[in-house]
Structures are given as structure tokens and as C-alpha cells.
N, C-alpha and C. Protein backbone atom coordinates (compact mmCIF):
# COMPACT_ATOMS: atom_id res chain seq x y z
N ILE A 1 52.23 141.09 -5.31
CA ILE A 1 51.86 140.68 -3.96
C ILE A 1 50.37 140.34 -3.89
N GLU A 2 49.55 141.15 -4.55
CA GLU A 2 48.11 140.88 -4.53
C GLU A 2 47.78 139.53 -5.16
N GLU A 3 48.47 139.20 -6.25
CA GLU A 3 48.24 137.91 -6.91
C GLU A 3 48.63 136.77 -5.98
N LEU A 4 49.75 136.94 -5.27
CA LEU A 4 50.20 135.94 -4.31
C LEU A 4 49.19 135.78 -3.19
N ARG A 5 48.70 136.89 -2.65
CA ARG A 5 47.69 136.82 -1.59
C ARG A 5 46.45 136.09 -2.07
N LYS A 6 46.00 136.37 -3.29
CA LYS A 6 44.83 135.70 -3.84
C LYS A 6 45.08 134.20 -3.94
N THR A 7 46.27 133.83 -4.40
CA THR A 7 46.61 132.42 -4.54
C THR A 7 46.60 131.72 -3.19
N ILE A 8 47.16 132.36 -2.17
CA ILE A 8 47.17 131.75 -0.84
C ILE A 8 45.76 131.64 -0.31
N ILE A 9 44.97 132.69 -0.46
CA ILE A 9 43.58 132.65 0.00
C ILE A 9 42.82 131.56 -0.73
N ASP A 10 43.04 131.44 -2.04
CA ASP A 10 42.36 130.40 -2.82
C ASP A 10 42.78 129.00 -2.39
N SER A 11 43.98 128.88 -1.82
CA SER A 11 44.48 127.57 -1.41
C SER A 11 43.88 127.11 -0.09
N LEU A 12 43.17 128.01 0.59
CA LEU A 12 42.60 127.66 1.87
C LEU A 12 41.21 127.06 1.70
N GLN A 13 40.92 126.04 2.51
CA GLN A 13 39.60 125.44 2.50
C GLN A 13 38.69 126.27 3.40
N ASP A 14 37.45 125.86 3.52
CA ASP A 14 36.49 126.59 4.36
C ASP A 14 36.97 126.73 5.79
N ASN A 15 37.74 125.78 6.28
CA ASN A 15 38.20 125.83 7.67
C ASN A 15 39.56 126.50 7.81
N ASP A 16 39.98 127.26 6.78
CA ASP A 16 41.23 128.01 6.81
C ASP A 16 42.47 127.12 6.88
N GLN A 17 42.36 125.90 6.43
CA GLN A 17 43.52 125.03 6.37
C GLN A 17 43.97 124.96 4.91
N PRO A 18 45.27 124.88 4.66
CA PRO A 18 45.71 124.86 3.27
C PRO A 18 45.30 123.60 2.56
N ASN A 19 45.01 123.74 1.30
CA ASN A 19 44.74 122.61 0.43
C ASN A 19 46.05 122.34 -0.30
N PRO A 20 46.78 121.29 0.10
CA PRO A 20 48.11 121.07 -0.47
C PRO A 20 48.14 121.01 -1.99
N SER A 21 47.08 120.51 -2.61
CA SER A 21 47.10 120.43 -4.07
C SER A 21 47.13 121.83 -4.68
N ASN A 22 46.47 122.80 -4.06
CA ASN A 22 46.50 124.17 -4.55
C ASN A 22 47.80 124.87 -4.18
N LEU A 23 48.26 124.64 -2.96
CA LEU A 23 49.48 125.30 -2.49
C LEU A 23 50.68 124.92 -3.35
N ASN A 24 50.73 123.68 -3.77
CA ASN A 24 51.87 123.24 -4.56
C ASN A 24 51.90 123.88 -5.93
N GLN A 25 50.79 124.48 -6.36
CA GLN A 25 50.72 125.05 -7.69
C GLN A 25 51.16 126.50 -7.74
N PHE A 26 51.17 127.22 -6.59
CA PHE A 26 51.47 128.63 -6.73
C PHE A 26 52.96 128.88 -6.82
N ASP A 27 53.31 130.03 -7.32
CA ASP A 27 54.67 130.36 -7.69
C ASP A 27 55.49 130.75 -6.47
N LEU A 28 56.30 129.82 -5.97
CA LEU A 28 57.12 130.10 -4.81
C LEU A 28 58.17 131.17 -5.09
N LYS A 29 58.51 131.39 -6.35
CA LYS A 29 59.47 132.44 -6.67
C LYS A 29 58.96 133.79 -6.21
N LYS A 30 57.64 134.02 -6.37
CA LYS A 30 57.07 135.28 -5.92
C LYS A 30 57.12 135.39 -4.41
N VAL A 31 56.82 134.28 -3.73
CA VAL A 31 56.85 134.28 -2.27
C VAL A 31 58.25 134.58 -1.77
N ASN A 32 59.23 134.06 -2.45
CA ASN A 32 60.59 134.09 -1.95
C ASN A 32 61.45 135.23 -2.47
N THR A 33 60.87 136.19 -3.17
CA THR A 33 61.68 137.27 -3.71
C THR A 33 62.33 138.11 -2.62
N ILE A 34 61.72 138.15 -1.42
CA ILE A 34 62.30 138.97 -0.36
C ILE A 34 63.26 138.19 0.53
N LEU A 35 63.33 136.88 0.36
CA LEU A 35 64.16 136.06 1.24
C LEU A 35 65.43 135.63 0.55
N ALA A 36 66.55 135.75 1.28
CA ALA A 36 67.82 135.28 0.74
C ALA A 36 67.81 133.76 0.63
N ASN A 37 67.20 133.10 1.61
CA ASN A 37 67.09 131.64 1.64
C ASN A 37 65.60 131.30 1.56
N PRO A 38 65.10 130.87 0.40
CA PRO A 38 63.66 130.73 0.19
C PRO A 38 62.98 129.65 1.02
N LEU A 39 61.69 129.88 1.30
CA LEU A 39 60.86 128.87 1.95
C LEU A 39 60.46 127.82 0.93
N THR A 40 60.35 126.59 1.39
CA THR A 40 59.84 125.52 0.53
C THR A 40 58.32 125.55 0.58
N ALA A 41 57.70 124.82 -0.32
CA ALA A 41 56.23 124.74 -0.32
C ALA A 41 55.73 124.17 1.01
N ARG A 42 56.41 123.18 1.53
CA ARG A 42 56.01 122.56 2.79
C ARG A 42 56.17 123.54 3.95
N GLU A 43 57.26 124.31 3.95
CA GLU A 43 57.45 125.31 5.00
C GLU A 43 56.35 126.36 4.96
N LEU A 44 55.94 126.73 3.77
CA LEU A 44 54.85 127.70 3.64
C LEU A 44 53.54 127.10 4.16
N GLU A 45 53.29 125.84 3.88
CA GLU A 45 52.10 125.17 4.42
C GLU A 45 52.12 125.22 5.94
N VAL A 46 53.28 124.89 6.52
CA VAL A 46 53.42 124.90 7.98
C VAL A 46 53.19 126.30 8.52
N LEU A 47 53.78 127.29 7.87
CA LEU A 47 53.63 128.68 8.31
C LEU A 47 52.16 129.11 8.28
N ILE A 48 51.43 128.74 7.24
CA ILE A 48 50.00 129.08 7.15
C ILE A 48 49.23 128.42 8.29
N LEU A 49 49.53 127.16 8.55
CA LEU A 49 48.84 126.46 9.63
C LEU A 49 49.18 127.07 10.99
N LEU A 50 50.42 127.48 11.19
CA LEU A 50 50.79 128.14 12.44
C LEU A 50 50.07 129.47 12.57
N LYS A 51 49.98 130.20 11.47
CA LYS A 51 49.27 131.48 11.46
C LYS A 51 47.81 131.29 11.87
N ASN A 52 47.24 130.18 11.49
CA ASN A 52 45.83 129.90 11.80
C ASN A 52 45.64 129.42 13.23
N GLY A 53 46.72 129.40 14.01
CA GLY A 53 46.61 129.07 15.43
C GLY A 53 46.74 127.61 15.77
N ASN A 54 47.14 126.79 14.82
CA ASN A 54 47.30 125.37 15.08
C ASN A 54 48.54 125.10 15.93
N THR A 55 48.45 124.11 16.78
CA THR A 55 49.60 123.66 17.56
C THR A 55 50.49 122.81 16.65
N ASN A 56 51.70 122.52 17.11
CA ASN A 56 52.59 121.66 16.34
C ASN A 56 51.93 120.30 16.08
N GLN A 57 51.25 119.76 17.10
CA GLN A 57 50.59 118.46 16.93
C GLN A 57 49.47 118.54 15.90
N GLN A 58 48.70 119.61 15.91
CA GLN A 58 47.63 119.77 14.93
C GLN A 58 48.20 119.89 13.52
N VAL A 59 49.29 120.63 13.36
CA VAL A 59 49.95 120.75 12.06
C VAL A 59 50.39 119.37 11.59
N ALA A 60 51.02 118.62 12.49
CA ALA A 60 51.48 117.26 12.15
C ALA A 60 50.32 116.39 11.68
N ASP A 61 49.22 116.45 12.40
CA ASP A 61 48.05 115.65 12.05
C ASP A 61 47.47 116.07 10.70
N LEU A 62 47.38 117.37 10.46
CA LEU A 62 46.81 117.87 9.21
C LEU A 62 47.67 117.53 7.99
N LEU A 63 48.99 117.53 8.18
CA LEU A 63 49.90 117.28 7.06
C LEU A 63 50.40 115.84 7.01
N PHE A 64 49.96 115.02 7.95
CA PHE A 64 50.36 113.61 8.00
C PHE A 64 51.88 113.45 8.10
N ILE A 65 52.46 114.25 9.01
CA ILE A 65 53.89 114.17 9.28
C ILE A 65 54.08 114.10 10.79
N SER A 66 55.29 113.80 11.23
CA SER A 66 55.53 113.71 12.67
C SER A 66 55.67 115.10 13.28
N ILE A 67 55.46 115.15 14.58
CA ILE A 67 55.61 116.43 15.29
C ILE A 67 57.05 116.92 15.21
N ASN A 68 58.02 115.99 15.20
CA ASN A 68 59.42 116.39 15.07
C ASN A 68 59.69 117.03 13.71
N THR A 69 59.03 116.55 12.68
CA THR A 69 59.17 117.15 11.35
C THR A 69 58.59 118.56 11.35
N VAL A 70 57.46 118.75 12.02
CA VAL A 70 56.87 120.09 12.14
C VAL A 70 57.86 121.01 12.84
N LYS A 71 58.45 120.54 13.93
CA LYS A 71 59.41 121.36 14.67
C LYS A 71 60.61 121.72 13.80
N THR A 72 61.06 120.78 12.98
CA THR A 72 62.18 121.06 12.08
C THR A 72 61.79 122.11 11.05
N HIS A 73 60.59 121.96 10.47
CA HIS A 73 60.11 122.97 9.51
C HIS A 73 60.01 124.34 10.17
N ALA A 74 59.46 124.38 11.38
CA ALA A 74 59.31 125.65 12.09
C ALA A 74 60.69 126.28 12.35
N LYS A 75 61.63 125.47 12.78
CA LYS A 75 62.99 125.98 13.02
C LYS A 75 63.58 126.55 11.74
N ASN A 76 63.40 125.86 10.63
CA ASN A 76 63.90 126.35 9.34
C ASN A 76 63.21 127.65 8.93
N ILE A 77 61.93 127.74 9.17
CA ILE A 77 61.17 128.96 8.86
C ILE A 77 61.73 130.12 9.67
N TYR A 78 61.94 129.90 10.96
CA TYR A 78 62.46 130.97 11.83
C TYR A 78 63.83 131.44 11.35
N GLU A 79 64.67 130.49 10.98
CA GLU A 79 66.01 130.86 10.48
C GLU A 79 65.91 131.65 9.18
N LYS A 80 65.08 131.20 8.26
CA LYS A 80 64.96 131.86 6.97
C LYS A 80 64.35 133.26 7.09
N LEU A 81 63.43 133.43 8.04
CA LEU A 81 62.81 134.74 8.24
C LEU A 81 63.59 135.59 9.24
N ASP A 82 64.63 135.01 9.83
CA ASP A 82 65.47 135.70 10.81
C ASP A 82 64.64 136.19 12.00
N VAL A 83 63.91 135.23 12.59
CA VAL A 83 63.09 135.52 13.76
C VAL A 83 63.35 134.44 14.81
N LYS A 84 62.80 134.64 16.00
CA LYS A 84 63.06 133.71 17.09
C LYS A 84 61.88 132.81 17.46
N ASN A 85 60.67 133.16 17.02
CA ASN A 85 59.51 132.35 17.40
C ASN A 85 58.38 132.50 16.38
N ARG A 86 57.31 131.73 16.60
CA ARG A 86 56.21 131.72 15.62
C ARG A 86 55.49 133.05 15.54
N THR A 87 55.37 133.76 16.64
CA THR A 87 54.71 135.06 16.61
C THR A 87 55.47 136.03 15.71
N GLU A 88 56.80 136.07 15.88
CA GLU A 88 57.62 136.94 15.05
C GLU A 88 57.58 136.50 13.59
N ALA A 89 57.58 135.19 13.36
CA ALA A 89 57.54 134.66 11.99
C ALA A 89 56.25 135.07 11.30
N ILE A 90 55.14 134.94 11.99
CA ILE A 90 53.85 135.29 11.40
C ILE A 90 53.79 136.79 11.13
N LYS A 91 54.24 137.59 12.09
CA LYS A 91 54.23 139.04 11.90
C LYS A 91 55.10 139.45 10.71
N LYS A 92 56.30 138.88 10.62
CA LYS A 92 57.19 139.23 9.52
C LYS A 92 56.60 138.79 8.19
N ALA A 93 56.03 137.59 8.15
CA ALA A 93 55.42 137.08 6.92
C ALA A 93 54.24 137.95 6.49
N LEU A 94 53.43 138.38 7.44
CA LEU A 94 52.30 139.26 7.13
C LEU A 94 52.79 140.62 6.67
N ASP A 95 53.77 141.17 7.38
CA ASP A 95 54.30 142.50 7.04
C ASP A 95 54.93 142.52 5.65
N ASN A 96 55.48 141.39 5.21
CA ASN A 96 56.15 141.32 3.92
C ASN A 96 55.28 140.71 2.82
N GLY A 97 54.02 140.50 3.12
CA GLY A 97 53.10 140.02 2.08
C GLY A 97 53.20 138.55 1.76
N LEU A 98 53.88 137.77 2.62
CA LEU A 98 53.96 136.34 2.37
C LEU A 98 52.67 135.63 2.75
N LEU A 99 51.94 136.21 3.68
CA LEU A 99 50.66 135.65 4.12
C LEU A 99 49.58 136.70 3.99
N ALA A 100 48.37 136.25 3.70
CA ALA A 100 47.23 137.18 3.58
C ALA A 100 46.67 137.46 4.95
């Protein structure tokens, strides 16, 4: 878990936004050992951006995707983490060591 936290922290730029080139390199198997249905690299990027307080529109702008795609990723994250909203998703991810 500590190695995973370090990798996620290392993937963040000075403004706490993920650096996709770094995020794509870390071992998603470690992230997903606690989940029956694993998160994708993109879902993890979205989750990190949501954790940092970004709105759906800001996430879309940062990742160069549509707001509807962000909403789909968020919905998938909630289902995979078995939660109902972003607050619960962030809390569960933090509690389980998925986010630093």
C-alpha cells in the first residue's frame, strides 16, 4: 500500500492534478486487489481529480474528454466501489489505501 501511495503521489503535479503519463505506469493490479471489479487507469485518474475537489466540467477539461464521459466514469467508479456518491467514493478509496 505504501508503494502504491508513493506512486500516486509521484503522479501528481505541483497543482495536485494527475500526470497521465505517470499514472499509466503504475501497477493497477495493486490498486485493484481489494475490488471484485477493478478500476481502470482512467477511472483512477477521474477519482483522483474528484478527490482534489474538481467539478465534472473541470475533470473533463483536464482530461480532454466530454462531461458525459466524466459522468460515465464516475458512475462506474461508484458501482465498483459500491457507493452512492463522490464523497462516499473518496472516503472508501482513502480508507482502503487506493488514494493517498
